[in-house]
């Protein structure tokens, strides 16, 4: 979901297992912090790239 607020755009990503067993859901939940950390790192890199390349 994209939401504009005060001249900035906020991106909200949501995801989860679909038609999963309890075991699959538990595995997904145990991995959630790692997935979130991965997304944060990826978007931090994108932010740095855009800062460097859009301000030329």
PDB file of N, CA and C in Angstrom:
ATOM      1  N   UNK A   1       0.844  -1.159   0.000  1.00  0.00           N
ATOM      2  CA  UNK A   1       0.000   0.000   0.000  1.00  0.00           C
ATOM      3  C   UNK A   1       0.897   1.231   0.000  1.00  0.00           C
ATOM      4  N   UNK A   2       0.581   2.210  -0.802  1.00  0.00           N
ATOM      5  CA  UNK A   2       1.298   3.474  -0.851  1.00  0.00           C
ATOM      6  C   UNK A   2       0.397   4.574  -0.309  1.00  0.00           C
ATOM      7  N   UNK A   3       0.928   5.362   0.623  1.00  0.00           N
ATOM      8  CA  UNK A   3       0.174   6.467   1.210  1.00  0.00           C
ATOM      9  C   UNK A   3       1.064   7.703   1.195  1.00  0.00           C
ATOM     10  N   UNK A   4       0.546   8.795   0.675  1.00  0.00           N
ATOM     11  CA  UNK A   4       1.294  10.044   0.677  1.00  0.00           C
ATOM     12  C   UNK A   4       0.957  10.827   1.934  1.00  0.00           C
ATOM     13  N   UNK A   5       1.990  11.356   2.579  1.00  0.00           N
ATOM     14  CA  UNK A   5       1.792  12.134   3.795  1.00  0.00           C
ATOM     15  C   UNK A   5       2.905  13.162   3.914  1.00  0.00           C
ATOM     16  N   UNK A   6       2.538  14.417   3.972  1.00  0.00           N
ATOM     17  CA  UNK A   6       3.476  15.520   4.148  1.00  0.00           C
ATOM     18  C   UNK A   6       4.604  15.489   3.119  1.00  0.00           C
ATOM     19  N   UNK A   7       4.254  15.245   1.871  1.00  0.00           N
ATOM     20  CA  UNK A   7       5.226  15.254   0.796  1.00  0.00           C
ATOM     21  C   UNK A   7       6.095  14.018   0.694  1.00  0.00           C
ATOM     22  N   UNK A   8       5.808  13.008   1.493  1.00  0.00           N
ATOM     23  CA  UNK A   8       6.561  11.757   1.439  1.00  0.00           C
ATOM     24  C   UNK A   8       5.595  10.625   1.158  1.00  0.00           C
ATOM     25  N   UNK A   9       6.135   9.540   0.615  1.00  0.00           N
ATOM     26  CA  UNK A   9       5.320   8.369   0.329  1.00  0.00           C
ATOM     27  C   UNK A   9       5.709   7.244   1.267  1.00  0.00           C
ATOM     28  N   UNK A  10       4.713   6.671   1.915  1.00  0.00           N
ATOM     29  CA  UNK A  10       4.934   5.546   2.819  1.00  0.00           C
ATOM     30  C   UNK A  10       4.482   4.271   2.111  1.00  0.00           C
ATOM     31  N   UNK A  11       5.375   3.277   2.116  1.00  0.00           N
ATOM     32  CA  UNK A  11       5.080   1.989   1.510  1.00  0.00           C
ATOM     33  C   UNK A  11       4.862   0.980   2.623  1.00  0.00           C
ATOM     34  N   UNK A  12       3.731   0.304   2.600  1.00  0.00           N
ATOM     35  CA  UNK A  12       3.432  -0.738   3.577  1.00  0.00           C
ATOM     36  C   UNK A  12       3.306  -2.060   2.835  1.00  0.00           C
ATOM     37  N   UNK A  13       4.139  -3.024   3.231  1.00  0.00           N
ATOM     38  CA  UNK A  13       4.103  -4.364   2.649  1.00  0.00           C
ATOM     39  C   UNK A  13       3.577  -5.328   3.691  1.00  0.00           C
ATOM     40  N   UNK A  14       2.670  -6.172   3.290  1.00  0.00           N
ATOM     41  CA  UNK A  14       2.137  -7.192   4.193  1.00  0.00           C
ATOM     42  C   UNK A  14       2.136  -8.522   3.462  1.00  0.00           C
ATOM     43  N   UNK A  15       2.463  -9.552   4.181  1.00  0.00           N
ATOM     44  CA  UNK A  15       2.480 -10.864   3.560  1.00  0.00           C
ATOM     45  C   UNK A  15       2.409 -11.942   4.619  1.00  0.00           C
ATOM     46  N   UNK A  16       2.107 -13.100   4.180  1.00  0.00           N
ATOM     47  CA  UNK A  16       2.033 -14.220   5.098  1.00  0.00           C
ATOM     48  C   UNK A  16       1.722 -15.489   4.347  1.00  0.00           C
ATOM     49  N   UNK A  17       1.754 -16.582   5.065  1.00  0.00           N
ATOM     50  CA  UNK A  17       1.486 -17.865   4.421  1.00  0.00           C
ATOM     51  C   UNK A  17       0.027 -17.976   3.985  1.00  0.00           C
ATOM     52  N   UNK A  18      -0.172 -18.633   2.877  1.00  0.00           N
ATOM     53  CA  UNK A  18      -1.512 -18.812   2.302  1.00  0.00           C
ATOM     54  C   UNK A  18      -1.828 -20.298   2.283  1.00  0.00           C
ATOM     55  N   UNK A  19      -2.966 -20.649   2.816  1.00  0.00           N
ATOM     56  CA  UNK A  19      -3.366 -22.055   2.902  1.00  0.00           C
ATOM     57  C   UNK A  19      -2.283 -22.907   3.562  1.00  0.00           C
ATOM     58  N   UNK A  20      -1.690 -22.381   4.611  1.00  0.00           N
ATOM     59  CA  UNK A  20      -0.567 -23.052   5.263  1.00  0.00           C
ATOM     60  C   UNK A  20      -1.039 -23.925   6.423  1.00  0.00           C
ATOM     61  N   UNK A  21      -0.239 -24.933   6.702  1.00  0.00           N
ATOM     62  CA  UNK A  21      -0.486 -25.766   7.876  1.00  0.00           C
ATOM     63  C   UNK A  21      -0.001 -25.002   9.110  1.00  0.00           C
ATOM     64  N   UNK A  22      -0.349 -25.474  10.281  1.00  0.00           N
ATOM     65  CA  UNK A  22       0.132 -24.845  11.512  1.00  0.00           C
ATOM     66  C   UNK A  22       1.655 -24.861  11.571  1.00  0.00           C
ATOM     67  N   UNK A  23       2.239 -25.938  11.136  1.00  0.00           N
ATOM     68  CA  UNK A  23       3.705 -26.039  11.130  1.00  0.00           C
ATOM     69  C   UNK A  23       4.318 -24.996  10.191  1.00  0.00           C
ATOM     70  N   UNK A  24       3.722 -24.821   9.029  1.00  0.00           N
ATOM     71  CA  UNK A  24       4.216 -23.815   8.074  1.00  0.00           C
ATOM     72  C   UNK A  24       4.050 -22.405   8.629  1.00  0.00           C
ATOM     73  N   UNK A  25       2.933 -22.159   9.288  1.00  0.00           N
ATOM     74  CA  UNK A  25       2.722 -20.836   9.903  1.00  0.00           C
ATOM     75  C   UNK A  25       3.736 -20.578  10.996  1.00  0.00           C
ATOM     76  N   UNK A  26       4.010 -21.581  11.809  1.00  0.00           N
ATOM     77  CA  UNK A  26       4.996 -21.426  12.884  1.00  0.00           C
ATOM     78  C   UNK A  26       6.375 -21.143  12.304  1.00  0.00           C
ATOM     79  N   UNK A  27       6.719 -21.832  11.227  1.00  0.00           N
ATOM     80  CA  UNK A  27       8.009 -21.588  10.567  1.00  0.00           C
ATOM     81  C   UNK A  27       8.066 -20.168  10.027  1.00  0.00           C
ATOM     82  N   UNK A  28       6.981 -19.750   9.388  1.00  0.00           N
ATOM     83  CA  UNK A  28       6.921 -18.381   8.860  1.00  0.00           C
ATOM     84  C   UNK A  28       7.112 -17.370   9.986  1.00  0.00           C
ATOM     85  N   UNK A  29       6.400 -17.541  11.068  1.00  0.00           N
ATOM     86  CA  UNK A  29       6.496 -16.605  12.192  1.00  0.00           C
ATOM     87  C   UNK A  29       7.894 -16.589  12.790  1.00  0.00           C
ATOM     88  N   UNK A  30       8.559 -17.732  12.834  1.00  0.00           N
ATOM     89  CA  UNK A  30       9.909 -17.775  13.396  1.00  0.00           C
ATOM     90  C   UNK A  30      10.910 -17.039  12.503  1.00  0.00           C
ATOM     91  N   UNK A  31      10.592 -16.935  11.220  1.00  0.00           N
ATOM     92  CA  UNK A  31      11.484 -16.265  10.272  1.00  0.00           C
ATOM     93  C   UNK A  31      11.148 -14.785  10.076  1.00  0.00           C
ATOM     94  N   UNK A  32      10.013 -14.362  10.603  1.00  0.00           N
ATOM     95  CA  UNK A  32       9.547 -12.985  10.368  1.00  0.00           C
ATOM     96  C   UNK A  32      10.596 -11.917  10.686  1.00  0.00           C
ATOM     97  N   UNK A  33      11.288 -11.964  11.836  1.00  0.00           N
ATOM     98  CA  UNK A  33      12.285 -10.920  12.118  1.00  0.00           C
ATOM     99  C   UNK A  33      13.399 -10.858  11.067  1.00  0.00           C
ATOM    100  N   UNK A  34      13.795 -12.005  10.546  1.00  0.00           N
ATOM    101  CA  UNK A  34      14.854 -12.033   9.540  1.00  0.00           C
ATOM    102  C   UNK A  34      14.364 -11.436   8.221  1.00  0.00           C
ATOM    103  N   UNK A  35      13.131 -11.739   7.869  1.00  0.00           N
ATOM    104  CA  UNK A  35      12.550 -11.177   6.646  1.00  0.00           C
ATOM    105  C   UNK A  35      12.429  -9.666   6.788  1.00  0.00           C
ATOM    106  N   UNK A  36      11.948  -9.198   7.930  1.00  0.00           N
ATOM    107  CA  UNK A  36      11.823  -7.757   8.151  1.00  0.00           C
ATOM    108  C   UNK A  36      13.183  -7.078   8.075  1.00  0.00           C
ATOM    109  N   UNK A  37      14.189  -7.683   8.682  1.00  0.00           N
ATOM    110  CA  UNK A  37      15.535  -7.119   8.648  1.00  0.00           C
ATOM    111  C   UNK A  37      16.039  -7.044   7.205  1.00  0.00           C
ATOM    112  N   UNK A  38      15.761  -8.075   6.427  1.00  0.00           N
ATOM    113  CA  UNK A  38      16.160  -8.080   5.021  1.00  0.00           C
ATOM    114  C   UNK A  38      15.504  -6.966   4.236  1.00  0.00           C
ATOM    115  N   UNK A  39      14.217  -6.752   4.456  1.00  0.00           N
ATOM    116  CA  UNK A  39      13.524  -5.662   3.765  1.00  0.00           C
ATOM    117  C   UNK A  39      14.079  -4.312   4.181  1.00  0.00           C
ATOM    118  N   UNK A  40      14.328  -4.127   5.463  1.00  0.00           N
ATOM    119  CA  UNK A  40      14.873  -2.853   5.940  1.00  0.00           C
ATOM    120  C   UNK A  40      16.209  -2.579   5.267  1.00  0.00           C
ATOM    121  N   UNK A  41      17.083  -3.578   5.238  1.00  0.00           N
ATOM    122  CA  UNK A  41      18.386  -3.403   4.595  1.00  0.00           C
ATOM    123  C   UNK A  41      18.264  -3.089   3.119  1.00  0.00           C
ATOM    124  N   UNK A  42      17.364  -3.769   2.439  1.00  0.00           N
ATOM    125  CA  UNK A  42      17.168  -3.545   1.008  1.00  0.00           C
ATOM    126  C   UNK A  42      16.662  -2.133   0.745  1.00  0.00           C
ATOM    127  N   UNK A  43      15.693  -1.690   1.524  1.00  0.00           N
ATOM    128  CA  UNK A  43      15.150  -0.349   1.303  1.00  0.00           C
ATOM    129  C   UNK A  43      16.119   0.736   1.753  1.00  0.00           C
ATOM    130  N   UNK A  44      16.956   0.467   2.737  1.00  0.00           N
ATOM    131  CA  UNK A  44      18.015   1.413   3.096  1.00  0.00           C
ATOM    132  C   UNK A  44      18.986   1.585   1.936  1.00  0.00           C
ATOM    133  N   UNK A  45      19.335   0.483   1.276  1.00  0.00           N
ATOM    134  CA  UNK A  45      20.223   0.554   0.117  1.00  0.00           C
ATOM    135  C   UNK A  45      19.564   1.301  -1.027  1.00  0.00           C
ATOM    136  N   UNK A  46      18.287   1.062  -1.251  1.00  0.00           N
ATOM    137  CA  UNK A  46      17.560   1.777  -2.300  1.00  0.00           C
ATOM    138  C   UNK A  46      17.531   3.266  -1.992  1.00  0.00           C
ATOM    139  N   UNK A  47      17.279   3.618  -0.752  1.00  0.00           N
ATOM    140  CA  UNK A  47      17.256   5.019  -0.338  1.00  0.00           C
ATOM    141  C   UNK A  47      18.600   5.685  -0.611  1.00  0.00           C
ATOM    142  N   UNK A  48      19.687   5.017  -0.238  1.00  0.00           N
ATOM    143  CA  UNK A  48      21.027   5.570  -0.461  1.00  0.00           C
ATOM    144  C   UNK A  48      21.305   5.730  -1.952  1.00  0.00           C
ATOM    145  N   UNK A  49      20.909   4.735  -2.739  1.00  0.00           N
ATOM    146  CA  UNK A  49      21.108   4.802  -4.190  1.00  0.00           C
ATOM    147  C   UNK A  49      20.344   5.985  -4.787  1.00  0.00           C
ATOM    148  N   UNK A  50      19.079   6.127  -4.412  1.00  0.00           N
ATOM    149  CA  UNK A  50      18.269   7.215  -4.947  1.00  0.00           C
ATOM    150  C   UNK A  50      18.822   8.570  -4.522  1.00  0.00           C
ATOM    151  N   UNK A  51      19.236   8.684  -3.265  1.00  0.00           N
ATOM    152  CA  UNK A  51      19.839   9.948  -2.781  1.00  0.00           C
ATOM    153  C   UNK A  51      21.032  10.320  -3.641  1.00  0.00           C
ATOM    154  N   UNK A  52      21.882   9.346  -3.896  1.00  0.00           N
ATOM    155  CA  UNK A  52      23.120   9.593  -4.649  1.00  0.00           C
ATOM    156  C   UNK A  52      22.832   9.910  -6.104  1.00  0.00           C
ATOM    157  N   UNK A  53      21.855   9.251  -6.700  1.00  0.00           N
ATOM    158  CA  UNK A  53      21.649   9.378  -8.145  1.00  0.00           C
ATOM    159  C   UNK A  53      20.594  10.411  -8.535  1.00  0.00           C
ATOM    160  N   UNK A  54      19.736  10.808  -7.616  1.00  0.00           N
ATOM    161  CA  UNK A  54      18.732  11.812  -7.950  1.00  0.00           C
ATOM    162  C   UNK A  54      19.202  13.226  -7.641  1.00  0.00           C
ATOM    163  N   UNK A  55      20.243  13.353  -6.849  1.00  0.00           N
ATOM    164  CA  UNK A  55      20.727  14.684  -6.453  1.00  0.00           C
ATOM    165  C   UNK A  55      21.946  15.118  -7.253  1.00  0.00           C
ATOM    166  N   UNK A  56      22.091  14.595  -8.445  1.00  0.00           N
ATOM    167  CA  UNK A  56      23.242  14.971  -9.284  1.00  0.00           C
ATOM    168  C   UNK A  56      22.970  16.233 -10.028  1.00  0.00           C
TER     169      UNK A  56
END
